[in-house]
Amino acid sequence: MKVLSMIQPWATLLVQGETLYETRSWKTRYRGPLAIHASQKVDKLACKHEPIRSLLAKNGYTEQNLPTGVILATCELSNCYQVIDANHTSAILDCGKVVSGKDILLGDYSPGYFAWEIVGFRLLKTYIPVKGKLGLWEYPIDEELMI
């Protein structure tokens, strides 16, 4: 299965359904099953700012107990849109969708960046410890590990 490594707390916020998009500086043509990997790195400063701190707390997390170095969940990468315009409160994607509210605070919606639309999260029964990589990478995930 294709895997995407993400820095914490962004990985946990995504798999907990706190945002609809993962933003990247690069486009992908890939669509289909995707696993989300939490890298070893935690952005501790981000964890202390609102609304991130409250969103993590809602799910029982703090900067100290975020899982790292593990695959957390699987999902579907359904689309990839380019950000064509943005300000501090909203962004416009090339498909015409407008991103606002919590989503705009949980990503980098700079014009030219890409919003990966991700749906259908399935948490894993047990996290899979594995070293992350840059870009999309492959890792075999047994269907029995998914909730």
N, C-alpha and C. Protein backbone atom coordinates (compact mmCIF):
# COMPACT_ATOMS: atom_id res chain seq x y z
N MET A 1 0.85 -1.17 0.00
CA MET A 1 0.00 0.00 0.00
C MET A 1 0.89 1.24 0.00
N LYS A 2 0.43 2.28 -0.68
CA LYS A 2 1.15 3.55 -0.66
C LYS A 2 1.04 4.15 0.75
N VAL A 3 2.13 4.79 1.19
CA VAL A 3 2.18 5.40 2.53
C VAL A 3 2.69 6.83 2.40
N LEU A 4 2.13 7.71 3.22
CA LEU A 4 2.58 9.10 3.30
C LEU A 4 3.01 9.38 4.73
N SER A 5 4.26 9.80 4.91
CA SER A 5 4.76 10.18 6.23
C SER A 5 4.42 11.64 6.50
N MET A 6 3.99 11.91 7.73
CA MET A 6 3.63 13.26 8.14
C MET A 6 4.20 13.55 9.53
N ILE A 7 4.57 14.78 9.75
CA ILE A 7 5.02 15.22 11.07
C ILE A 7 3.80 15.29 11.99
N GLN A 8 4.00 14.98 13.27
CA GLN A 8 2.95 15.19 14.25
C GLN A 8 2.92 16.66 14.64
N PRO A 9 1.79 17.26 14.97
CA PRO A 9 0.48 16.67 15.21
C PRO A 9 -0.38 16.51 13.97
N TRP A 10 0.16 16.88 12.80
CA TRP A 10 -0.65 16.89 11.58
C TRP A 10 -1.17 15.51 11.21
N ALA A 11 -0.37 14.47 11.43
CA ALA A 11 -0.81 13.11 11.10
C ALA A 11 -2.02 12.72 11.95
N THR A 12 -1.94 12.95 13.25
CA THR A 12 -3.04 12.60 14.14
C THR A 12 -4.28 13.42 13.84
N LEU A 13 -4.13 14.71 13.61
CA LEU A 13 -5.29 15.55 13.30
C LEU A 13 -5.98 15.07 12.02
N LEU A 14 -5.22 14.65 11.04
CA LEU A 14 -5.80 14.15 9.80
C LEU A 14 -6.57 12.85 10.03
N VAL A 15 -5.94 11.87 10.68
CA VAL A 15 -6.61 10.57 10.84
C VAL A 15 -7.78 10.63 11.83
N GLN A 16 -7.80 11.64 12.70
CA GLN A 16 -8.93 11.81 13.61
C GLN A 16 -10.08 12.57 12.94
N GLY A 17 -9.90 12.92 11.67
CA GLY A 17 -10.97 13.58 10.92
C GLY A 17 -11.12 15.06 11.20
N GLU A 18 -10.08 15.69 11.74
CA GLU A 18 -10.17 17.12 12.06
C GLU A 18 -10.00 18.01 10.83
N THR A 19 -9.51 17.46 9.73
CA THR A 19 -9.38 18.22 8.49
C THR A 19 -9.68 17.31 7.31
N LEU A 20 -10.13 17.90 6.22
CA LEU A 20 -10.49 17.13 5.02
C LEU A 20 -9.33 16.98 4.06
N TYR A 21 -8.28 17.79 4.25
CA TYR A 21 -7.19 17.83 3.28
C TYR A 21 -5.83 17.74 3.96
N GLU A 22 -4.88 17.18 3.24
CA GLU A 22 -3.47 17.27 3.59
C GLU A 22 -2.84 18.15 2.52
N THR A 23 -2.16 19.21 2.94
CA THR A 23 -1.57 20.11 1.95
C THR A 23 -0.10 19.79 1.75
N ARG A 24 0.30 19.87 0.49
CA ARG A 24 1.68 19.57 0.10
C ARG A 24 2.13 20.58 -0.94
N SER A 25 3.44 20.71 -1.09
CA SER A 25 3.98 21.59 -2.13
C SER A 25 4.05 20.88 -3.48
N TRP A 26 3.74 19.59 -3.48
CA TRP A 26 3.83 18.81 -4.71
C TRP A 26 2.52 18.09 -5.02
N LYS A 27 2.29 17.93 -6.31
CA LYS A 27 1.10 17.27 -6.83
C LYS A 27 1.34 15.77 -6.93
N THR A 28 0.27 15.01 -6.78
CA THR A 28 0.35 13.58 -7.05
C THR A 28 -0.77 13.19 -8.00
N ARG A 29 -0.46 12.28 -8.89
CA ARG A 29 -1.47 11.73 -9.80
C ARG A 29 -2.10 10.47 -9.19
N TYR A 30 -1.50 9.99 -8.10
CA TYR A 30 -1.99 8.77 -7.46
C TYR A 30 -3.37 9.00 -6.84
N ARG A 31 -4.26 8.02 -7.02
CA ARG A 31 -5.56 7.98 -6.35
C ARG A 31 -5.74 6.55 -5.87
N GLY A 32 -6.24 6.38 -4.65
CA GLY A 32 -6.47 5.04 -4.15
C GLY A 32 -6.08 4.89 -2.70
N PRO A 33 -5.93 3.63 -2.26
CA PRO A 33 -5.62 3.36 -0.85
C PRO A 33 -4.32 4.03 -0.43
N LEU A 34 -4.33 4.55 0.79
CA LEU A 34 -3.18 5.27 1.32
C LEU A 34 -3.10 5.03 2.82
N ALA A 35 -1.91 4.80 3.32
CA ALA A 35 -1.69 4.70 4.76
C ALA A 35 -1.02 5.98 5.24
N ILE A 36 -1.34 6.38 6.47
CA ILE A 36 -0.75 7.59 7.06
C ILE A 36 0.25 7.18 8.14
N HIS A 37 1.48 7.64 7.96
CA HIS A 37 2.59 7.35 8.87
C HIS A 37 2.94 8.61 9.66
N ALA A 38 3.04 8.47 10.98
CA ALA A 38 3.49 9.57 11.83
C ALA A 38 5.00 9.48 11.96
N SER A 39 5.70 10.50 11.49
CA SER A 39 7.16 10.48 11.55
C SER A 39 7.63 10.64 13.00
N GLN A 40 8.93 10.55 13.20
CA GLN A 40 9.50 10.71 14.54
C GLN A 40 9.41 12.14 15.04
N LYS A 41 9.27 13.08 14.12
CA LYS A 41 9.28 14.50 14.49
C LYS A 41 7.91 14.98 14.97
N VAL A 42 7.92 15.77 16.04
CA VAL A 42 6.71 16.41 16.56
C VAL A 42 6.95 17.92 16.55
N ASP A 43 6.03 18.65 15.94
CA ASP A 43 6.08 20.11 15.96
C ASP A 43 5.49 20.56 17.30
N LYS A 44 6.33 20.65 18.32
CA LYS A 44 5.87 20.94 19.68
C LYS A 44 5.28 22.34 19.79
N LEU A 45 5.81 23.28 19.04
CA LEU A 45 5.27 24.64 19.07
C LEU A 45 3.83 24.66 18.55
N ALA A 46 3.58 23.95 17.45
CA ALA A 46 2.22 23.89 16.90
C ALA A 46 1.25 23.27 17.90
N CYS A 47 1.70 22.27 18.64
CA CYS A 47 0.85 21.58 19.62
C CYS A 47 0.36 22.51 20.73
N LYS A 48 1.06 23.60 20.95
CA LYS A 48 0.71 24.52 22.04
C LYS A 48 -0.26 25.61 21.60
N HIS A 49 -0.47 25.77 20.30
CA HIS A 49 -1.34 26.84 19.79
C HIS A 49 -2.75 26.33 19.52
N GLU A 50 -3.70 27.25 19.70
CA GLU A 50 -5.09 26.95 19.36
C GLU A 50 -5.29 27.12 17.86
N PRO A 51 -6.17 26.35 17.22
CA PRO A 51 -7.04 25.35 17.82
C PRO A 51 -6.39 23.98 17.95
N ILE A 52 -5.13 23.86 17.58
CA ILE A 52 -4.47 22.55 17.57
C ILE A 52 -4.48 21.91 18.95
N ARG A 53 -4.12 22.69 19.97
CA ARG A 53 -4.07 22.14 21.33
C ARG A 53 -5.42 21.55 21.73
N SER A 54 -6.50 22.28 21.49
CA SER A 54 -7.84 21.80 21.85
C SER A 54 -8.27 20.60 21.03
N LEU A 55 -7.95 20.59 19.75
CA LEU A 55 -8.32 19.46 18.90
C LEU A 55 -7.59 18.19 19.33
N LEU A 56 -6.33 18.32 19.70
CA LEU A 56 -5.59 17.17 20.21
C LEU A 56 -6.18 16.71 21.54
N ALA A 57 -6.46 17.65 22.44
CA ALA A 57 -7.01 17.31 23.76
C ALA A 57 -8.35 16.60 23.64
N LYS A 58 -9.16 17.01 22.67
CA LYS A 58 -10.47 16.39 22.45
C LYS A 58 -10.33 14.89 22.20
N ASN A 59 -9.21 14.51 21.61
CA ASN A 59 -8.95 13.10 21.31
C ASN A 59 -7.96 12.46 22.29
N GLY A 60 -7.67 13.17 23.40
CA GLY A 60 -6.82 12.62 24.44
C GLY A 60 -5.32 12.75 24.20
N TYR A 61 -4.92 13.65 23.33
CA TYR A 61 -3.50 13.79 23.00
C TYR A 61 -2.92 15.11 23.48
N THR A 62 -1.62 15.06 23.76
CA THR A 62 -0.81 16.25 24.02
C THR A 62 0.47 16.06 23.22
N GLU A 63 1.34 17.05 23.24
CA GLU A 63 2.61 16.90 22.52
C GLU A 63 3.44 15.75 23.07
N GLN A 64 3.22 15.37 24.34
CA GLN A 64 4.00 14.30 24.96
C GLN A 64 3.55 12.89 24.58
N ASN A 65 2.28 12.70 24.22
CA ASN A 65 1.82 11.33 23.98
C ASN A 65 1.39 11.04 22.54
N LEU A 66 1.76 11.90 21.62
CA LEU A 66 1.45 11.62 20.21
C LEU A 66 2.28 10.44 19.72
N PRO A 67 1.66 9.50 19.02
CA PRO A 67 2.44 8.37 18.50
C PRO A 67 3.39 8.82 17.40
N THR A 68 4.59 8.30 17.41
CA THR A 68 5.58 8.64 16.39
C THR A 68 6.26 7.38 15.86
N GLY A 69 6.74 7.47 14.62
CA GLY A 69 7.44 6.35 14.01
C GLY A 69 6.55 5.15 13.72
N VAL A 70 5.26 5.42 13.47
CA VAL A 70 4.30 4.34 13.25
C VAL A 70 3.30 4.69 12.15
N ILE A 71 2.75 3.66 11.53
CA ILE A 71 1.61 3.84 10.62
C ILE A 71 0.36 3.82 11.50
N LEU A 72 -0.47 4.86 11.37
CA LEU A 72 -1.63 5.06 12.23
C LEU A 72 -2.93 4.53 11.64
N ALA A 73 -3.11 4.69 10.34
CA ALA A 73 -4.41 4.43 9.73
C ALA A 73 -4.27 4.27 8.23
N THR A 74 -5.36 3.80 7.62
CA THR A 74 -5.45 3.76 6.17
C THR A 74 -6.63 4.64 5.75
N CYS A 75 -6.64 5.02 4.48
CA CYS A 75 -7.68 5.89 3.95
C CYS A 75 -7.66 5.79 2.44
N GLU A 76 -8.39 6.66 1.79
CA GLU A 76 -8.40 6.76 0.33
C GLU A 76 -8.00 8.17 -0.07
N LEU A 77 -7.02 8.26 -0.93
CA LEU A 77 -6.67 9.55 -1.53
C LEU A 77 -7.60 9.70 -2.73
N SER A 78 -8.59 10.60 -2.61
CA SER A 78 -9.62 10.68 -3.64
C SER A 78 -9.35 11.74 -4.70
N ASN A 79 -8.57 12.78 -4.35
CA ASN A 79 -8.29 13.81 -5.34
C ASN A 79 -7.14 14.68 -4.89
N CYS A 80 -6.65 15.48 -5.81
CA CYS A 80 -5.55 16.41 -5.53
C CYS A 80 -5.87 17.71 -6.27
N TYR A 81 -6.08 18.78 -5.50
CA TYR A 81 -6.46 20.07 -6.07
C TYR A 81 -5.35 21.09 -5.85
N GLN A 82 -5.17 21.99 -6.80
CA GLN A 82 -4.20 23.06 -6.62
C GLN A 82 -4.89 24.27 -5.98
N VAL A 83 -4.19 24.90 -5.06
CA VAL A 83 -4.68 26.14 -4.44
C VAL A 83 -4.41 27.27 -5.42
N ILE A 84 -5.48 27.99 -5.81
CA ILE A 84 -5.29 29.07 -6.79
C ILE A 84 -5.34 30.45 -6.16
N ASP A 85 -5.96 30.56 -4.98
CA ASP A 85 -6.00 31.85 -4.29
C ASP A 85 -6.25 31.58 -2.81
N ALA A 86 -5.74 32.46 -1.96
CA ALA A 86 -5.92 32.26 -0.52
C ALA A 86 -5.69 33.56 0.23
N ASN A 87 -6.33 33.64 1.40
CA ASN A 87 -6.05 34.71 2.36
C ASN A 87 -6.05 34.07 3.75
N HIS A 88 -6.16 34.83 4.80
CA HIS A 88 -6.07 34.27 6.15
C HIS A 88 -7.31 33.48 6.57
N THR A 89 -8.42 33.62 5.85
CA THR A 89 -9.65 32.96 6.26
C THR A 89 -10.18 31.91 5.29
N SER A 90 -9.68 31.90 4.06
CA SER A 90 -10.17 30.91 3.09
C SER A 90 -9.18 30.73 1.95
N ALA A 91 -9.40 29.63 1.22
CA ALA A 91 -8.60 29.34 0.04
C ALA A 91 -9.53 28.81 -1.04
N ILE A 92 -9.19 29.09 -2.29
CA ILE A 92 -9.97 28.59 -3.42
C ILE A 92 -9.12 27.56 -4.15
N LEU A 93 -9.72 26.40 -4.37
CA LEU A 93 -9.04 25.32 -5.08
C LEU A 93 -9.41 25.36 -6.56
N ASP A 94 -8.59 24.75 -7.40
CA ASP A 94 -8.82 24.80 -8.85
C ASP A 94 -10.11 24.12 -9.29
N CYS A 95 -10.73 23.34 -8.42
CA CYS A 95 -12.01 22.70 -8.74
C CYS A 95 -13.19 23.61 -8.38
N GLY A 96 -12.90 24.76 -7.76
CA GLY A 96 -13.95 25.68 -7.35
C GLY A 96 -14.33 25.56 -5.89
N LYS A 97 -13.86 24.54 -5.21
CA LYS A 97 -14.17 24.39 -3.79
C LYS A 97 -13.48 25.49 -3.00
N VAL A 98 -14.14 25.92 -1.92
CA VAL A 98 -13.58 26.91 -1.01
C VAL A 98 -13.27 26.23 0.31
N VAL A 99 -12.05 26.39 0.77
CA VAL A 99 -11.61 25.83 2.05
C VAL A 99 -11.64 26.95 3.07
N SER A 100 -12.27 26.69 4.23
CA SER A 100 -12.33 27.72 5.27
C SER A 100 -12.44 27.05 6.64
N GLY A 101 -12.69 27.84 7.65
CA GLY A 101 -12.87 27.31 9.00
C GLY A 101 -11.63 26.60 9.51
N LYS A 102 -11.88 25.50 10.20
CA LYS A 102 -10.80 24.72 10.81
C LYS A 102 -9.81 24.22 9.77
N ASP A 103 -10.29 23.83 8.61
CA ASP A 103 -9.39 23.29 7.57
C ASP A 103 -8.30 24.28 7.18
N ILE A 104 -8.65 25.56 7.06
CA ILE A 104 -7.66 26.55 6.63
C ILE A 104 -6.55 26.72 7.67
N LEU A 105 -6.88 26.46 8.94
CA LEU A 105 -5.91 26.59 10.03
C LEU A 105 -4.99 25.37 10.15
N LEU A 106 -5.37 24.27 9.52
CA LEU A 106 -4.63 23.01 9.69
C LEU A 106 -3.84 22.62 8.45
N GLY A 107 -3.57 23.57 7.57
CA GLY A 107 -2.79 23.27 6.38
C GLY A 107 -2.11 24.51 5.84
N ASP A 108 -1.27 24.30 4.86
CA ASP A 108 -0.60 25.42 4.18
C ASP A 108 -1.28 25.61 2.83
N TYR A 109 -2.17 26.57 2.78
CA TYR A 109 -2.94 26.83 1.57
C TYR A 109 -2.36 27.98 0.76
N SER A 110 -1.05 28.03 0.68
CA SER A 110 -0.39 29.03 -0.15
C SER A 110 -0.72 28.77 -1.62
N PRO A 111 -0.99 29.82 -2.40
CA PRO A 111 -1.24 29.61 -3.83
C PRO A 111 -0.10 28.80 -4.46
N GLY A 112 -0.50 27.82 -5.27
CA GLY A 112 0.47 26.93 -5.90
C GLY A 112 0.65 25.62 -5.16
N TYR A 113 0.25 25.57 -3.88
CA TYR A 113 0.32 24.31 -3.12
C TYR A 113 -0.85 23.42 -3.54
N PHE A 114 -0.86 22.20 -3.03
CA PHE A 114 -1.87 21.22 -3.40
C PHE A 114 -2.59 20.70 -2.17
N ALA A 115 -3.91 20.57 -2.29
CA ALA A 115 -4.74 20.03 -1.22
C ALA A 115 -5.14 18.62 -1.63
N TRP A 116 -4.61 17.64 -0.89
CA TRP A 116 -4.94 16.25 -1.15
C TRP A 116 -6.23 15.93 -0.39
N GLU A 117 -7.26 15.55 -1.12
CA GLU A 117 -8.54 15.20 -0.50
C GLU A 117 -8.48 13.74 -0.06
N ILE A 118 -8.66 13.53 1.23
CA ILE A 118 -8.50 12.20 1.80
C ILE A 118 -9.77 11.83 2.55
N VAL A 119 -10.29 10.61 2.29
CA VAL A 119 -11.56 10.17 2.87
C VAL A 119 -11.44 8.73 3.39
N GLY A 120 -12.46 8.30 4.14
CA GLY A 120 -12.59 6.90 4.54
C GLY A 120 -11.51 6.36 5.46
N PHE A 121 -11.22 7.07 6.53
CA PHE A 121 -10.17 6.61 7.44
C PHE A 121 -10.56 5.35 8.18
N ARG A 122 -9.58 4.46 8.30
CA ARG A 122 -9.71 3.25 9.13
C ARG A 122 -8.48 3.19 10.01
N LEU A 123 -8.69 3.39 11.31
CA LEU A 123 -7.57 3.29 12.25
C LEU A 123 -7.09 1.84 12.30
N LEU A 124 -5.84 1.67 12.66
CA LEU A 124 -5.30 0.32 12.80
C LEU A 124 -5.52 -0.17 14.22
N LYS A 125 -5.74 -1.47 14.39
CA LYS A 125 -5.90 -2.06 15.72
C LYS A 125 -4.65 -1.84 16.55
N THR A 126 -3.51 -2.02 15.92
CA THR A 126 -2.22 -1.72 16.55
C THR A 126 -1.40 -0.95 15.53
N TYR A 127 -0.72 0.06 16.01
CA TYR A 127 0.13 0.84 15.11
C TYR A 127 1.28 -0.01 14.62
N ILE A 128 1.73 0.27 13.41
CA ILE A 128 2.83 -0.48 12.80
C ILE A 128 4.10 0.36 12.89
N PRO A 129 5.07 -0.07 13.73
CA PRO A 129 6.32 0.69 13.82
C PRO A 129 7.15 0.50 12.55
N VAL A 130 7.52 1.60 11.94
CA VAL A 130 8.31 1.55 10.71
C VAL A 130 8.94 2.93 10.49
N LYS A 131 10.11 2.92 9.90
CA LYS A 131 10.79 4.18 9.60
C LYS A 131 10.13 4.83 8.38
N GLY A 132 9.87 6.11 8.47
CA GLY A 132 9.23 6.83 7.38
C GLY A 132 10.19 7.18 6.25
N LYS A 133 9.62 7.66 5.17
CA LYS A 133 10.39 8.07 4.00
C LYS A 133 9.74 9.32 3.40
N LEU A 134 10.48 9.99 2.54
CA LEU A 134 9.93 11.13 1.83
C LEU A 134 9.08 10.66 0.65
N GLY A 135 8.12 11.48 0.26
CA GLY A 135 7.26 11.13 -0.87
C GLY A 135 6.30 10.01 -0.52
N LEU A 136 5.71 9.42 -1.54
CA LEU A 136 4.86 8.25 -1.34
C LEU A 136 5.74 7.02 -1.41
N TRP A 137 5.56 6.09 -0.48
CA TRP A 137 6.37 4.89 -0.44
C TRP A 137 5.47 3.69 -0.17
N GLU A 138 6.00 2.51 -0.38
CA GLU A 138 5.21 1.28 -0.27
C GLU A 138 5.49 0.55 1.03
N TYR A 139 4.41 -0.03 1.61
CA TYR A 139 4.54 -0.89 2.78
C TYR A 139 3.35 -1.84 2.77
N PRO A 140 3.59 -3.15 2.99
CA PRO A 140 2.47 -4.10 3.01
C PRO A 140 1.68 -3.98 4.31
N ILE A 141 0.38 -3.80 4.21
CA ILE A 141 -0.47 -3.70 5.40
C ILE A 141 -1.56 -4.76 5.30
N ASP A 142 -1.60 -5.61 6.31
CA ASP A 142 -2.57 -6.70 6.38
C ASP A 142 -3.96 -6.15 6.70
N GLU A 143 -4.94 -6.54 5.93
CA GLU A 143 -6.33 -6.11 6.12
C GLU A 143 -6.83 -6.41 7.54
N GLU A 144 -6.31 -7.45 8.16
CA GLU A 144 -6.75 -7.84 9.51
C GLU A 144 -6.35 -6.81 10.57
N LEU A 145 -5.39 -5.94 10.26
CA LEU A 145 -4.95 -4.93 11.23
C LEU A 145 -5.86 -3.71 11.27
N MET A 146 -6.79 -3.62 10.31
CA MET A 146 -7.65 -2.44 10.23
C MET A 146 -8.92 -2.63 11.06
N ILE A 147 -9.34 -1.52 11.69
CA ILE A 147 -10.58 -1.56 12.49
C ILE A 147 -11.75 -1.46 11.54
